[in-house]
Amino acid sequence: MADTIFERYGGFSAVRRIVSDFYDRVLDSPVIAHHFEKVDMKRLLDHQARFIAAVTGGPASYSDEHLRRITSASASPRLSSARCSRSSRRH
């Protein structure tokens, strides 16, 4: 039996697929895609997959202090909760 959320959901390959699917939908959104025009998406996908893996019990790529700083940082004021809600819905 899997001990962590990371293991229960299939490990790094599953996390990577989920992150990729999320950003595919973000980039298809006419509401928020422009926020990512100058972003190195390959780097972002890698960073997000490693971050989610670490916080769900997978291999830790980050120190506890680094995770505290990232999770407590406030979101971009340009990206409202309404826009985030719209992007999380399936098209």
PDB file of N, CA and C in Angstrom:
ATOM      1  N   MET A   1       0.836  -1.187   0.000  1.00  0.00           N
ATOM      2  CA  MET A   1       0.000   0.000   0.000  1.00  0.00           C
ATOM      3  C   MET A   1       0.884   1.255   0.000  1.00  0.00           C
ATOM      4  N   ALA A   2       0.487   2.231  -0.784  1.00  0.00           N
ATOM      5  CA  ALA A   2       1.249   3.474  -0.896  1.00  0.00           C
ATOM      6  C   ALA A   2       1.138   4.285   0.392  1.00  0.00           C
ATOM      7  N   ASP A   3       2.255   4.852   0.806  1.00  0.00           N
ATOM      8  CA  ASP A   3       2.293   5.608   2.054  1.00  0.00           C
ATOM      9  C   ASP A   3       2.043   7.097   1.879  1.00  0.00           C
ATOM     10  N   THR A   4       2.313   7.643   0.721  1.00  0.00           N
ATOM     11  CA  THR A   4       2.173   9.082   0.525  1.00  0.00           C
ATOM     12  C   THR A   4       1.184   9.370  -0.607  1.00  0.00           C
ATOM     13  N   ILE A   5       0.704  10.592  -0.644  1.00  0.00           N
ATOM     14  CA  ILE A   5      -0.160  11.021  -1.752  1.00  0.00           C
ATOM     15  C   ILE A   5       0.597  10.856  -3.060  1.00  0.00           C
ATOM     16  N   PHE A   6       1.864  11.218  -3.044  1.00  0.00           N
ATOM     17  CA  PHE A   6       2.719  11.096  -4.226  1.00  0.00           C
ATOM     18  C   PHE A   6       2.694   9.665  -4.765  1.00  0.00           C
ATOM     19  N   GLU A   7       2.856   8.698  -3.896  1.00  0.00           N
ATOM     20  CA  GLU A   7       2.859   7.293  -4.320  1.00  0.00           C
ATOM     21  C   GLU A   7       1.460   6.827  -4.723  1.00  0.00           C
ATOM     22  N   ARG A   8       0.434   7.224  -3.973  1.00  0.00           N
ATOM     23  CA  ARG A   8      -0.946   6.795  -4.277  1.00  0.00           C
ATOM     24  C   ARG A   8      -1.388   7.250  -5.666  1.00  0.00           C
ATOM     25  N   TYR A   9      -0.929   8.417  -6.092  1.00  0.00           N
ATOM     26  CA  TYR A   9      -1.367   8.934  -7.384  1.00  0.00           C
ATOM     27  C   TYR A   9      -0.431   8.595  -8.536  1.00  0.00           C
ATOM     28  N   GLY A  10       0.554   7.759  -8.286  1.00  0.00           N
ATOM     29  CA  GLY A  10       1.351   7.247  -9.390  1.00  0.00           C
ATOM     30  C   GLY A  10       2.741   7.810  -9.544  1.00  0.00           C
ATOM     31  N   GLY A  11       3.227   8.551  -8.562  1.00  0.00           N
ATOM     32  CA  GLY A  11       4.602   9.023  -8.618  1.00  0.00           C
ATOM     33  C   GLY A  11       4.817  10.191  -9.555  1.00  0.00           C
ATOM     34  N   PHE A  12       6.080  10.369  -9.918  1.00  0.00           N
ATOM     35  CA  PHE A  12       6.463  11.559 -10.674  1.00  0.00           C
ATOM     36  C   PHE A  12       5.819  11.633 -12.051  1.00  0.00           C
ATOM     37  N   SER A  13       5.673  10.501 -12.736  1.00  0.00           N
ATOM     38  CA  SER A  13       5.079  10.561 -14.082  1.00  0.00           C
ATOM     39  C   SER A  13       3.638  11.055 -14.025  1.00  0.00           C
ATOM     40  N   ALA A  14       2.895  10.649 -12.999  1.00  0.00           N
ATOM     41  CA  ALA A  14       1.517  11.123 -12.855  1.00  0.00           C
ATOM     42  C   ALA A  14       1.480  12.606 -12.503  1.00  0.00           C
ATOM     43  N   VAL A  15       2.354  13.031 -11.603  1.00  0.00           N
ATOM     44  CA  VAL A  15       2.416  14.454 -11.240  1.00  0.00           C
ATOM     45  C   VAL A  15       2.749  15.279 -12.472  1.00  0.00           C
ATOM     46  N   ARG A  16       3.699  14.828 -13.249  1.00  0.00           N
ATOM     47  CA  ARG A  16       4.098  15.547 -14.464  1.00  0.00           C
ATOM     48  C   ARG A  16       2.936  15.661 -15.453  1.00  0.00           C
ATOM     49  N   ARG A  17       2.153  14.569 -15.614  1.00  0.00           N
ATOM     50  CA  ARG A  17       0.993  14.603 -16.516  1.00  0.00           C
ATOM     51  C   ARG A  17      -0.054  15.610 -16.028  1.00  0.00           C
ATOM     52  N   ILE A  18      -0.298  15.630 -14.720  1.00  0.00           N
ATOM     53  CA  ILE A  18      -1.287  16.555 -14.153  1.00  0.00           C
ATOM     54  C   ILE A  18      -0.839  17.999 -14.357  1.00  0.00           C
ATOM     55  N   VAL A  19       0.420  18.280 -14.081  1.00  0.00           N
ATOM     56  CA  VAL A  19       0.961  19.632 -14.252  1.00  0.00           C
ATOM     57  C   VAL A  19       0.891  20.041 -15.731  1.00  0.00           C
ATOM     58  N   SER A  20       1.264  19.136 -16.616  1.00  0.00           N
ATOM     59  CA  SER A  20       1.213  19.431 -18.060  1.00  0.00           C
ATOM     60  C   SER A  20      -0.209  19.714 -18.517  1.00  0.00           C
ATOM     61  N   ASP A  21      -1.160  18.911 -18.052  1.00  0.00           N
ATOM     62  CA  ASP A  21      -2.559  19.114 -18.418  1.00  0.00           C
ATOM     63  C   ASP A  21      -3.058  20.464 -17.924  1.00  0.00           C
ATOM     64  N   PHE A  22      -2.708  20.802 -16.688  1.00  0.00           N
ATOM     65  CA  PHE A  22      -3.119  22.090 -16.130  1.00  0.00           C
ATOM     66  C   PHE A  22      -2.603  23.243 -16.989  1.00  0.00           C
ATOM     67  N   TYR A  23      -1.315  23.222 -17.300  1.00  0.00           N
ATOM     68  CA  TYR A  23      -0.748  24.338 -18.070  1.00  0.00           C
ATOM     69  C   TYR A  23      -1.209  24.333 -19.525  1.00  0.00           C
ATOM     70  N   ASP A  24      -1.556  23.184 -20.072  1.00  0.00           N
ATOM     71  CA  ASP A  24      -2.169  23.165 -21.410  1.00  0.00           C
ATOM     72  C   ASP A  24      -3.472  23.959 -21.383  1.00  0.00           C
ATOM     73  N   ARG A  25      -4.266  23.749 -20.331  1.00  0.00           N
ATOM     74  CA  ARG A  25      -5.533  24.479 -20.211  1.00  0.00           C
ATOM     75  C   ARG A  25      -5.292  25.966 -19.947  1.00  0.00           C
ATOM     76  N   VAL A  26      -4.297  26.274 -19.135  1.00  0.00           N
ATOM     77  CA  VAL A  26      -3.965  27.683 -18.874  1.00  0.00           C
ATOM     78  C   VAL A  26      -3.594  28.378 -20.180  1.00  0.00           C
ATOM     79  N   LEU A  27      -2.735  27.748 -20.978  1.00  0.00           N
ATOM     80  CA  LEU A  27      -2.274  28.373 -22.221  1.00  0.00           C
ATOM     81  C   LEU A  27      -3.374  28.450 -23.276  1.00  0.00           C
ATOM     82  N   ASP A  28      -4.406  27.615 -23.156  1.00  0.00           N
ATOM     83  CA  ASP A  28      -5.551  27.678 -24.067  1.00  0.00           C
ATOM     84  C   ASP A  28      -6.585  28.713 -23.637  1.00  0.00           C
ATOM     85  N   SER A  29      -6.435  29.262 -22.441  1.00  0.00           N
ATOM     86  CA  SER A  29      -7.418  30.199 -21.909  1.00  0.00           C
ATOM     87  C   SER A  29      -7.196  31.609 -22.449  1.00  0.00           C
ATOM     88  N   PRO A  30      -8.218  32.184 -23.064  1.00  0.00           N
ATOM     89  CA  PRO A  30      -8.085  33.562 -23.534  1.00  0.00           C
ATOM     90  C   PRO A  30      -8.017  34.563 -22.370  1.00  0.00           C
ATOM     91  N   VAL A  31      -8.383  34.133 -21.189  1.00  0.00           N
ATOM     92  CA  VAL A  31      -8.412  35.025 -20.028  1.00  0.00           C
ATOM     93  C   VAL A  31      -7.040  35.155 -19.367  1.00  0.00           C
ATOM     94  N   ILE A  32      -6.287  34.059 -19.271  1.00  0.00           N
ATOM     95  CA  ILE A  32      -5.030  34.120 -18.514  1.00  0.00           C
ATOM     96  C   ILE A  32      -3.773  33.749 -19.294  1.00  0.00           C
ATOM     97  N   ALA A  33      -3.908  33.259 -20.506  1.00  0.00           N
ATOM     98  CA  ALA A  33      -2.733  32.816 -21.264  1.00  0.00           C
ATOM     99  C   ALA A  33      -1.689  33.915 -21.432  1.00  0.00           C
ATOM    100  N   HIS A  34      -2.133  35.145 -21.564  1.00  0.00           N
ATOM    101  CA  HIS A  34      -1.183  36.249 -21.789  1.00  0.00           C
ATOM    102  C   HIS A  34      -0.205  36.439 -20.629  1.00  0.00           C
ATOM    103  N   HIS A  35      -0.562  35.962 -19.440  1.00  0.00           N
ATOM    104  CA  HIS A  35       0.349  36.067 -18.291  1.00  0.00           C
ATOM    105  C   HIS A  35       1.589  35.175 -18.464  1.00  0.00           C
ATOM    106  N   PHE A  36       1.540  34.259 -19.412  1.00  0.00           N
ATOM    107  CA  PHE A  36       2.612  33.280 -19.594  1.00  0.00           C
ATOM    108  C   PHE A  36       3.353  33.446 -20.922  1.00  0.00           C
ATOM    109  N   GLU A  37       3.113  34.552 -21.617  1.00  0.00           N
ATOM    110  CA  GLU A  37       3.716  34.756 -22.933  1.00  0.00           C
ATOM    111  C   GLU A  37       5.243  34.730 -22.913  1.00  0.00           C
ATOM    112  N   LYS A  38       5.859  35.267 -21.900  1.00  0.00           N
ATOM    113  CA  LYS A  38       7.322  35.341 -21.853  1.00  0.00           C
ATOM    114  C   LYS A  38       7.926  34.342 -20.869  1.00  0.00           C
ATOM    115  N   VAL A  39       7.150  33.334 -20.509  1.00  0.00           N
ATOM    116  CA  VAL A  39       7.596  32.351 -19.520  1.00  0.00           C
ATOM    117  C   VAL A  39       8.245  31.162 -20.228  1.00  0.00           C
ATOM    118  N   ASP A  40       9.348  30.700 -19.691  1.00  0.00           N
ATOM    119  CA  ASP A  40       9.991  29.481 -20.164  1.00  0.00           C
ATOM    120  C   ASP A  40       9.157  28.311 -19.631  1.00  0.00           C
ATOM    121  N   MET A  41       8.231  27.819 -20.443  1.00  0.00           N
ATOM    122  CA  MET A  41       7.271  26.821 -19.979  1.00  0.00           C
ATOM    123  C   MET A  41       7.938  25.493 -19.605  1.00  0.00           C
ATOM    124  N   LYS A  42       8.973  25.113 -20.312  1.00  0.00           N
ATOM    125  CA  LYS A  42       9.662  23.873 -19.960  1.00  0.00           C
ATOM    126  C   LYS A  42      10.215  23.969 -18.538  1.00  0.00           C
ATOM    127  N   ARG A  43      10.822  25.095 -18.236  1.00  0.00           N
ATOM    128  CA  ARG A  43      11.372  25.316 -16.891  1.00  0.00           C
ATOM    129  C   ARG A  43      10.269  25.375 -15.843  1.00  0.00           C
ATOM    130  N   LEU A  44       9.164  26.071 -16.161  1.00  0.00           N
ATOM    131  CA  LEU A  44       8.050  26.178 -15.234  1.00  0.00           C
ATOM    132  C   LEU A  44       7.431  24.811 -14.953  1.00  0.00           C
ATOM    133  N   LEU A  45       7.210  24.016 -16.008  1.00  0.00           N
ATOM    134  CA  LEU A  45       6.638  22.679 -15.819  1.00  0.00           C
ATOM    135  C   LEU A  45       7.526  21.820 -14.932  1.00  0.00           C
ATOM    136  N   ASP A  46       8.820  21.881 -15.164  1.00  0.00           N
ATOM    137  CA  ASP A  46       9.755  21.111 -14.350  1.00  0.00           C
ATOM    138  C   ASP A  46       9.692  21.565 -12.896  1.00  0.00           C
ATOM    139  N   HIS A  47       9.732  22.879 -12.684  1.00  0.00           N
ATOM    140  CA  HIS A  47       9.680  23.430 -11.331  1.00  0.00           C
ATOM    141  C   HIS A  47       8.393  23.025 -10.615  1.00  0.00           C
ATOM    142  N   GLN A  48       7.267  23.190 -11.273  1.00  0.00           N
ATOM    143  CA  GLN A  48       5.984  22.876 -10.651  1.00  0.00           C
ATOM    144  C   GLN A  48       5.849  21.385 -10.352  1.00  0.00           C
ATOM    145  N   ALA A  49       6.289  20.540 -11.272  1.00  0.00           N
ATOM    146  CA  ALA A  49       6.205  19.096 -11.037  1.00  0.00           C
ATOM    147  C   ALA A  49       7.067  18.695  -9.841  1.00  0.00           C
ATOM    148  N   ARG A  50       8.284  19.248  -9.752  1.00  0.00           N
ATOM    149  CA  ARG A  50       9.150  18.934  -8.609  1.00  0.00           C
ATOM    150  C   ARG A  50       8.564  19.475  -7.307  1.00  0.00           C
ATOM    151  N   PHE A  51       7.987  20.671  -7.357  1.00  0.00           N
ATOM    152  CA  PHE A  51       7.376  21.264  -6.170  1.00  0.00           C
ATOM    153  C   PHE A  51       6.208  20.412  -5.680  1.00  0.00           C
ATOM    154  N   ILE A  52       5.298  20.053  -6.589  1.00  0.00           N
ATOM    155  CA  ILE A  52       4.134  19.260  -6.198  1.00  0.00           C
ATOM    156  C   ILE A  52       4.571  17.874  -5.713  1.00  0.00           C
ATOM    157  N   ALA A  53       5.563  17.300  -6.357  1.00  0.00           N
ATOM    158  CA  ALA A  53       6.084  16.017  -5.887  1.00  0.00           C
ATOM    159  C   ALA A  53       6.592  16.139  -4.455  1.00  0.00           C
ATOM    160  N   ALA A  54       7.322  17.192  -4.176  1.00  0.00           N
ATOM    161  CA  ALA A  54       7.896  17.378  -2.835  1.00  0.00           C
ATOM    162  C   ALA A  54       6.820  17.568  -1.776  1.00  0.00           C
ATOM    163  N   VAL A  55       5.800  18.381  -2.064  1.00  0.00           N
ATOM    164  CA  VAL A  55       4.784  18.659  -1.045  1.00  0.00           C
ATOM    165  C   VAL A  55       3.773  17.516  -0.880  1.00  0.00           C
ATOM    166  N   THR A  56       3.773  16.551  -1.795  1.00  0.00           N
ATOM    167  CA  THR A  56       2.872  15.408  -1.660  1.00  0.00           C
ATOM    168  C   THR A  56       3.587  14.166  -1.141  1.00  0.00           C
ATOM    169  N   GLY A  57       4.845  14.339  -0.715  1.00  0.00           N
ATOM    170  CA  GLY A  57       5.551  13.221  -0.101  1.00  0.00           C
ATOM    171  C   GLY A  57       6.551  12.528  -0.995  1.00  0.00           C
ATOM    172  N   GLY A  58       6.774  13.072  -2.173  1.00  0.00           N
ATOM    173  CA  GLY A  58       7.755  12.495  -3.097  1.00  0.00           C
ATOM    174  C   GLY A  58       9.154  12.978  -2.781  1.00  0.00           C
ATOM    175  N   PRO A  59      10.061  12.745  -3.699  1.00  0.00           N
ATOM    176  CA  PRO A  59      11.444  13.175  -3.480  1.00  0.00           C
ATOM    177  C   PRO A  59      11.517  14.679  -3.233  1.00  0.00           C
ATOM    178  N   ALA A  60      12.249  15.067  -2.233  1.00  0.00           N
ATOM    179  CA  ALA A  60      12.335  16.483  -1.862  1.00  0.00           C
ATOM    180  C   ALA A  60      13.423  17.177  -2.661  1.00  0.00           C
ATOM    181  N   SER A  61      13.003  18.080  -3.534  1.00  0.00           N
ATOM    182  CA  SER A  61      13.949  18.909  -4.288  1.00  0.00           C
ATOM    183  C   SER A  61      14.150  20.241  -3.594  1.00  0.00           C
ATOM    184  N   TYR A  62      13.401  20.462  -2.539  1.00  0.00           N
ATOM    185  CA  TYR A  62      13.411  21.737  -1.851  1.00  0.00           C
ATOM    186  C   TYR A  62      13.614  21.514  -0.355  1.00  0.00           C
ATOM    187  N   SER A  63      14.254  22.466   0.293  1.00  0.00           N
ATOM    188  CA  SER A  63      14.391  22.409   1.748  1.00  0.00           C
ATOM    189  C   SER A  63      13.066  22.826   2.381  1.00  0.00           C
ATOM    190  N   ASP A  64      12.880  22.494   3.648  1.00  0.00           N
ATOM    191  CA  ASP A  64      11.665  22.915   4.351  1.00  0.00           C
ATOM    192  C   ASP A  64      11.514  24.432   4.337  1.00  0.00           C
ATOM    193  N   GLU A  65      12.626  25.143   4.526  1.00  0.00           N
ATOM    194  CA  GLU A  65      12.577  26.609   4.519  1.00  0.00           C
ATOM    195  C   GLU A  65      12.156  27.142   3.154  1.00  0.00           C
ATOM    196  N   HIS A  66      12.675  26.560   2.100  1.00  0.00           N
ATOM    197  CA  HIS A  66      12.305  26.991   0.748  1.00  0.00           C
ATOM    198  C   HIS A  66      10.819  26.754   0.509  1.00  0.00           C
ATOM    199  N   LEU A  67      10.306  25.596   0.914  1.00  0.00           N
ATOM    200  CA  LEU A  67       8.878  25.315   0.741  1.00  0.00           C
ATOM    201  C   LEU A  67       8.025  26.301   1.527  1.00  0.00           C
ATOM    202  N   ARG A  68       8.440  26.651   2.740  1.00  0.00           N
ATOM    203  CA  ARG A  68       7.688  27.635   3.531  1.00  0.00           C
ATOM    204  C   ARG A  68       7.634  28.984   2.810  1.00  0.00           C
ATOM    205  N   ARG A  69       8.761  29.394   2.238  1.00  0.00           N
ATOM    206  CA  ARG A  69       8.793  30.676   1.529  1.00  0.00           C
ATOM    207  C   ARG A  69       7.895  30.656   0.304  1.00  0.00           C
ATOM    208  N   ILE A  70       7.922  29.578  -0.454  1.00  0.00           N
ATOM    209  CA  ILE A  70       7.129  29.537  -1.698  1.00  0.00           C
ATOM    210  C   ILE A  70       5.643  29.460  -1.384  1.00  0.00           C
ATOM    211  N   THR A  71       5.273  28.651  -0.415  1.00  0.00           N
ATOM    212  CA  THR A  71       3.847  28.484  -0.134  1.00  0.00           C
ATOM    213  C   THR A  71       3.251  29.671   0.591  1.00  0.00           C
ATOM    214  N   SER A  72       4.068  30.484   1.249  1.00  0.00           N
ATOM    215  CA  SER A  72       3.518  31.643   1.944  1.00  0.00           C
ATOM    216  C   SER A  72       3.564  32.909   1.092  1.00  0.00           C
ATOM    217  N   ALA A  73       4.223  32.852  -0.043  1.00  0.00           N
ATOM    218  CA  ALA A  73       4.298  34.042  -0.912  1.00  0.00           C
ATOM    219  C   ALA A  73       2.912  34.364  -1.454  1.00  0.00           C
ATOM    220  N   SER A  74       2.602  35.641  -1.513  1.00  0.00           N
ATOM    221  CA  SER A  74       1.282  36.026  -2.026  1.00  0.00           C
ATOM    222  C   SER A  74       1.245  35.880  -3.538  1.00  0.00           C
ATOM    223  N   ALA A  75       0.057  35.584  -4.043  1.00  0.00           N
ATOM    224  CA  ALA A  75      -0.136  35.408  -5.485  1.00  0.00           C
ATOM    225  C   ALA A  75      -0.037  36.747  -6.195  1.00  0.00           C
ATOM    226  N   SER A  76       0.199  36.677  -7.483  1.00  0.00           N
ATOM    227  CA  SER A  76       0.280  37.885  -8.299  1.00  0.00           C
ATOM    228  C   SER A  76      -1.020  38.662  -8.208  1.00  0.00           C
ATOM    229  N   PRO A  77      -0.960  39.952  -7.918  1.00  0.00           N
ATOM    230  CA  PRO A  77      -2.193  40.742  -7.840  1.00  0.00           C
ATOM    231  C   PRO A  77      -2.906  40.853  -9.183  1.00  0.00           C
ATOM    232  N   ARG A  78      -2.196  40.607 -10.264  1.00  0.00           N
ATOM    233  CA  ARG A  78      -2.826  40.690 -11.586  1.00  0.00           C
ATOM    234  C   ARG A  78      -3.652  39.448 -11.897  1.00  0.00           C
ATOM    235  N   LEU A  79      -3.459  38.376 -11.149  1.00  0.00           N
ATOM    236  CA  LEU A  79      -4.166  37.125 -11.405  1.00  0.00           C
ATOM    237  C   LEU A  79      -5.210  36.953 -10.308  1.00  0.00           C
ATOM    238  N   SER A  80      -6.422  37.422 -10.583  1.00  0.00           N
ATOM    239  CA  SER A  80      -7.471  37.415  -9.571  1.00  0.00           C
ATOM    240  C   SER A  80      -7.997  36.005  -9.320  1.00  0.00           C
ATOM    241  N   SER A  81      -8.669  35.827  -8.193  1.00  0.00           N
ATOM    242  CA  SER A  81      -9.246  34.514  -7.881  1.00  0.00           C
ATOM    243  C   SER A  81     -10.331  34.149  -8.890  1.00  0.00           C
ATOM    244  N   ALA A  82     -11.027  35.128  -9.435  1.00  0.00           N
ATOM    245  CA  ALA A  82     -12.043  34.842 -10.450  1.00  0.00           C
ATOM    246  C   ALA A  82     -11.399  34.250 -11.694  1.00  0.00           C
ATOM    247  N   ARG A  83     -10.260  34.815 -12.103  1.00  0.00           N
ATOM    248  CA  ARG A  83      -9.558  34.281 -13.264  1.00  0.00           C
ATOM    249  C   ARG A  83      -9.050  32.877 -12.983  1.00  0.00           C
ATOM    250  N   CYS A  84      -8.554  32.644 -11.781  1.00  0.00           N
ATOM    251  CA  CYS A  84      -8.071  31.312 -11.416  1.00  0.00           C
ATOM    252  C   CYS A  84      -9.213  30.309 -11.435  1.00  0.00           C
ATOM    253  N   SER A  85     -10.380  30.704 -10.941  1.00  0.00           N
ATOM    254  CA  SER A  85     -11.539  29.817 -10.931  1.00  0.00           C
ATOM    255  C   SER A  85     -11.946  29.443 -12.352  1.00  0.00           C
ATOM    256  N   ARG A  86     -11.947  30.415 -13.237  1.00  0.00           N
ATOM    257  CA  ARG A  86     -12.308  30.136 -14.623  1.00  0.00           C
ATOM    258  C   ARG A  86     -11.316  29.201 -15.279  1.00  0.00           C
ATOM    259  N   SER A  87     -10.041  29.341 -14.955  1.00  0.00           N
ATOM    260  CA  SER A  87      -9.038  28.507 -15.593  1.00  0.00           C
ATOM    261  C   SER A  87      -9.066  27.080 -15.088  1.00  0.00           C
ATOM    262  N   SER A  88      -9.619  26.850 -13.907  1.00  0.00           N
ATOM    263  CA  SER A  88      -9.633  25.508 -13.356  1.00  0.00           C
ATOM    264  C   SER A  88     -10.783  24.667 -13.876  1.00  0.00           C
ATOM    265  N   ARG A  89     -11.756  25.297 -14.506  1.00  0.00           N
ATOM    266  CA  ARG A  89     -12.874  24.556 -15.093  1.00  0.00           C
ATOM    267  C   ARG A  89     -12.484  23.973 -16.432  1.00  0.00           C
ATOM    268  N   ARG A  90     -13.018  22.812 -16.737  1.00  0.00           N
ATOM    269  CA  ARG A  90     -12.790  22.199 -18.048  1.00  0.00           C
ATOM    270  C   ARG A  90     -13.521  22.991 -19.112  1.00  0.00           C
ATOM    271  N   HIS A  91     -12.921  23.091 -20.288  1.00  0.00           N
ATOM    272  CA  HIS A  91     -13.552  23.815 -21.407  1.00  0.00           C
ATOM    273  C   HIS A  91     -14.553  22.919 -22.073  1.00  0.00           C
TER     274      HIS A  91
END
